[in-house]
Structure formats: structure tokens, C-alpha cells
């Protein structure tokens, strides 16, 4: 029983770490689309869901484009 709880705990931590890294990678890709590929949808996504830095960059990009 102790081994089962240990395995479940370690698995949970691994899953959380993987999901965080996937989200971070997604936001980096989205930031690239926003700034380099002129994707207004990507900028709007970052304004709503990004980190403070990503929100700031996305808002500035949208302001420069006049949107």
C-alpha cells in the first residue's frame, strides 16, 4: 500500500510538471505567432491567458497594429 501511494504521488508530480512545460511551450509559440506572424488571434489569446510579461507584449503589439 505504501509503494502504491508513493508511485501515485510521483506520477502526479510528473504529470503536473509535464503539463506546465507543455503550457509554457504553447505560450512561447503563441507569443512568436503574435509578434512575428501578425496573428491577432494569438495576441488576443495571450492577453486573456498569458503571463504578465506575455500580456504586456501582446497588448503592445496590438496597440502598434492599431487594434
N, C-alpha and C. Protein backbone atom coordinates (compact mmCIF):
# COMPACT_ATOMS: atom_id res chain seq x y z
N UNK A 1 0.82 -1.20 0.00
CA UNK A 1 0.00 0.00 0.00
C UNK A 1 0.87 1.27 0.00
N UNK A 2 1.97 1.24 0.78
CA UNK A 2 2.85 2.40 0.83
C UNK A 2 3.49 2.64 -0.54
N UNK A 3 3.90 1.56 -1.21
CA UNK A 3 4.51 1.71 -2.53
C UNK A 3 3.52 2.27 -3.54
N UNK A 4 2.27 1.86 -3.44
CA UNK A 4 1.24 2.36 -4.35
C UNK A 4 1.07 3.87 -4.18
N UNK A 5 0.98 4.33 -2.93
CA UNK A 5 0.83 5.76 -2.67
C UNK A 5 2.05 6.54 -3.14
N UNK A 6 3.21 5.97 -2.98
CA UNK A 6 4.43 6.61 -3.44
C UNK A 6 4.44 6.74 -4.96
N UNK A 7 4.06 5.69 -5.66
CA UNK A 7 4.01 5.70 -7.12
C UNK A 7 2.97 6.71 -7.61
N UNK A 8 1.82 6.75 -6.97
CA UNK A 8 0.77 7.69 -7.37
C UNK A 8 1.25 9.13 -7.14
N UNK A 9 1.92 9.38 -6.03
CA UNK A 9 2.42 10.73 -5.74
C UNK A 9 3.46 11.17 -6.77
N UNK A 10 4.40 10.29 -7.06
CA UNK A 10 5.44 10.63 -8.02
C UNK A 10 4.85 10.83 -9.41
N UNK A 11 3.88 10.00 -9.77
CA UNK A 11 3.23 10.14 -11.08
C UNK A 11 2.49 11.47 -11.18
N UNK A 12 1.82 11.86 -10.11
CA UNK A 12 1.08 13.12 -10.11
C UNK A 12 2.02 14.30 -10.29
N UNK A 13 3.15 14.27 -9.60
CA UNK A 13 4.12 15.35 -9.75
C UNK A 13 4.66 15.39 -11.18
N UNK A 14 4.92 14.23 -11.76
CA UNK A 14 5.40 14.17 -13.14
C UNK A 14 4.39 14.72 -14.12
N UNK A 15 3.13 14.39 -13.93
CA UNK A 15 2.07 14.88 -14.82
C UNK A 15 1.95 16.39 -14.71
N UNK A 16 2.00 16.91 -13.49
CA UNK A 16 1.92 18.36 -13.31
C UNK A 16 3.10 19.07 -13.98
N UNK A 17 4.29 18.51 -13.84
CA UNK A 17 5.47 19.11 -14.47
C UNK A 17 5.34 19.09 -15.98
N UNK A 18 4.85 17.99 -16.54
CA UNK A 18 4.70 17.89 -18.00
C UNK A 18 3.67 18.88 -18.50
N UNK A 19 2.55 19.02 -17.80
CA UNK A 19 1.52 19.94 -18.26
C UNK A 19 2.00 21.38 -18.19
N UNK A 20 2.79 21.70 -17.17
CA UNK A 20 3.33 23.06 -17.06
C UNK A 20 4.29 23.34 -18.21
N UNK A 21 5.16 22.40 -18.51
CA UNK A 21 6.12 22.62 -19.60
C UNK A 21 5.43 22.70 -20.94
N UNK A 22 4.37 21.93 -21.13
CA UNK A 22 3.62 21.99 -22.40
C UNK A 22 2.94 23.34 -22.54
N UNK A 23 2.36 23.85 -21.45
CA UNK A 23 1.69 25.15 -21.49
C UNK A 23 2.69 26.26 -21.75
N UNK A 24 3.85 26.18 -21.12
CA UNK A 24 4.89 27.18 -21.35
C UNK A 24 5.34 27.16 -22.79
N UNK A 25 5.52 25.98 -23.35
CA UNK A 25 5.91 25.87 -24.76
C UNK A 25 4.85 26.41 -25.68
N UNK A 26 3.59 26.15 -25.35
CA UNK A 26 2.48 26.66 -26.15
C UNK A 26 2.48 28.18 -26.13
N UNK A 27 2.67 28.77 -24.95
CA UNK A 27 2.65 30.23 -24.87
C UNK A 27 3.84 30.85 -25.59
N UNK A 28 5.01 30.21 -25.57
CA UNK A 28 6.15 30.74 -26.32
C UNK A 28 5.86 30.72 -27.81
N UNK A 29 5.25 29.65 -28.28
CA UNK A 29 4.89 29.54 -29.69
C UNK A 29 3.83 30.59 -30.03
N UNK A 30 2.88 30.78 -29.14
CA UNK A 30 1.81 31.75 -29.36
C UNK A 30 2.39 33.16 -29.38
N UNK A 31 3.34 33.44 -28.49
CA UNK A 31 3.97 34.76 -28.48
C UNK A 31 4.71 35.01 -29.79
N UNK A 32 5.36 33.98 -30.30
CA UNK A 32 6.03 34.09 -31.59
C UNK A 32 5.02 34.37 -32.70
N UNK A 33 3.89 33.70 -32.69
CA UNK A 33 2.86 33.94 -33.71
C UNK A 33 2.32 35.35 -33.59
N UNK A 34 2.17 35.81 -32.38
CA UNK A 34 1.63 37.15 -32.15
C UNK A 34 2.58 38.22 -32.69
N UNK A 35 3.86 38.10 -32.34
CA UNK A 35 4.80 39.17 -32.68
C UNK A 35 5.37 39.06 -34.09
N UNK A 36 5.62 37.84 -34.55
CA UNK A 36 6.30 37.68 -35.84
C UNK A 36 5.38 37.33 -37.00
N UNK A 37 4.27 36.69 -36.73
CA UNK A 37 3.40 36.23 -37.81
C UNK A 37 2.13 37.05 -37.95
N UNK A 38 2.06 38.16 -37.24
CA UNK A 38 0.90 39.06 -37.33
C UNK A 38 -0.42 38.37 -37.06
N UNK A 39 -0.44 37.46 -36.08
CA UNK A 39 -1.66 36.75 -35.73
C UNK A 39 -2.37 37.47 -34.59
N UNK A 40 -3.46 38.18 -34.91
CA UNK A 40 -4.21 38.87 -33.89
C UNK A 40 -4.89 37.90 -32.93
N UNK A 41 -5.29 36.72 -33.42
CA UNK A 41 -5.90 35.72 -32.55
C UNK A 41 -4.91 35.27 -31.48
N UNK A 42 -3.65 35.08 -31.87
CA UNK A 42 -2.63 34.68 -30.90
C UNK A 42 -2.41 35.78 -29.86
N UNK A 43 -2.40 37.02 -30.29
CA UNK A 43 -2.24 38.13 -29.35
C UNK A 43 -3.41 38.21 -28.38
N UNK A 44 -4.61 38.05 -28.90
CA UNK A 44 -5.79 38.08 -28.03
C UNK A 44 -5.78 36.94 -27.03
N UNK A 45 -5.32 35.77 -27.46
CA UNK A 45 -5.22 34.62 -26.55
C UNK A 45 -4.26 34.96 -25.41
N UNK A 46 -3.11 35.56 -25.74
CA UNK A 46 -2.13 35.90 -24.71
C UNK A 46 -2.64 36.99 -23.77
N UNK A 47 -3.39 37.92 -24.28
CA UNK A 47 -3.95 38.97 -23.42
C UNK A 47 -4.86 38.34 -22.38
N UNK A 48 -5.59 37.30 -22.76
CA UNK A 48 -6.51 36.65 -21.83
C UNK A 48 -5.85 35.58 -20.97
N UNK A 49 -4.86 34.86 -21.49
CA UNK A 49 -4.36 33.68 -20.80
C UNK A 49 -2.86 33.69 -20.51
N UNK A 50 -2.12 34.68 -20.96
CA UNK A 50 -0.67 34.66 -20.82
C UNK A 50 -0.19 35.15 -19.46
N UNK A 51 1.12 35.04 -19.27
CA UNK A 51 1.75 35.59 -18.06
C UNK A 51 1.74 37.11 -18.17
N UNK A 52 2.13 37.78 -17.11
CA UNK A 52 2.14 39.25 -17.13
C UNK A 52 3.03 39.78 -18.25
N UNK A 53 4.20 39.18 -18.43
CA UNK A 53 5.11 39.60 -19.50
C UNK A 53 4.47 39.40 -20.86
N UNK A 54 3.86 38.22 -21.08
CA UNK A 54 3.23 37.92 -22.38
C UNK A 54 2.06 38.85 -22.64
N UNK A 55 1.28 39.15 -21.60
CA UNK A 55 0.15 40.08 -21.75
C UNK A 55 0.65 41.45 -22.19
N UNK A 56 1.74 41.90 -21.55
CA UNK A 56 2.29 43.22 -21.88
C UNK A 56 2.75 43.28 -23.33
N UNK A 57 3.49 42.27 -23.76
CA UNK A 57 3.99 42.23 -25.14
C UNK A 57 2.83 42.16 -26.13
N UNK A 58 1.84 41.31 -25.84
CA UNK A 58 0.69 41.16 -26.74
C UNK A 58 -0.11 42.46 -26.83
N UNK A 59 -0.31 43.14 -25.70
CA UNK A 59 -1.04 44.41 -25.72
C UNK A 59 -0.28 45.46 -26.52
N UNK A 60 1.03 45.52 -26.33
CA UNK A 60 1.83 46.49 -27.09
C UNK A 60 1.79 46.18 -28.58
N UNK A 61 1.84 44.89 -28.92
CA UNK A 61 1.79 44.51 -30.33
C UNK A 61 0.46 44.91 -30.94
N UNK A 62 -0.62 44.66 -30.21
CA UNK A 62 -1.95 45.05 -30.73
C UNK A 62 -2.08 46.57 -30.85
N UNK A 63 -1.50 47.30 -29.90
CA UNK A 63 -1.56 48.76 -29.99
C UNK A 63 -0.78 49.26 -31.20
N UNK A 64 0.37 48.68 -31.46
CA UNK A 64 1.17 49.09 -32.62
C UNK A 64 0.40 48.83 -33.91
N UNK A 65 -0.33 47.73 -33.95
CA UNK A 65 -1.13 47.41 -35.15
C UNK A 65 -2.40 48.24 -35.24
N UNK A 66 -2.73 48.96 -34.16
CA UNK A 66 -3.92 49.80 -34.15
C UNK A 66 -5.20 49.05 -33.86
N UNK A 67 -5.10 47.93 -33.15
CA UNK A 67 -6.30 47.15 -32.83
C UNK A 67 -6.64 47.25 -31.37
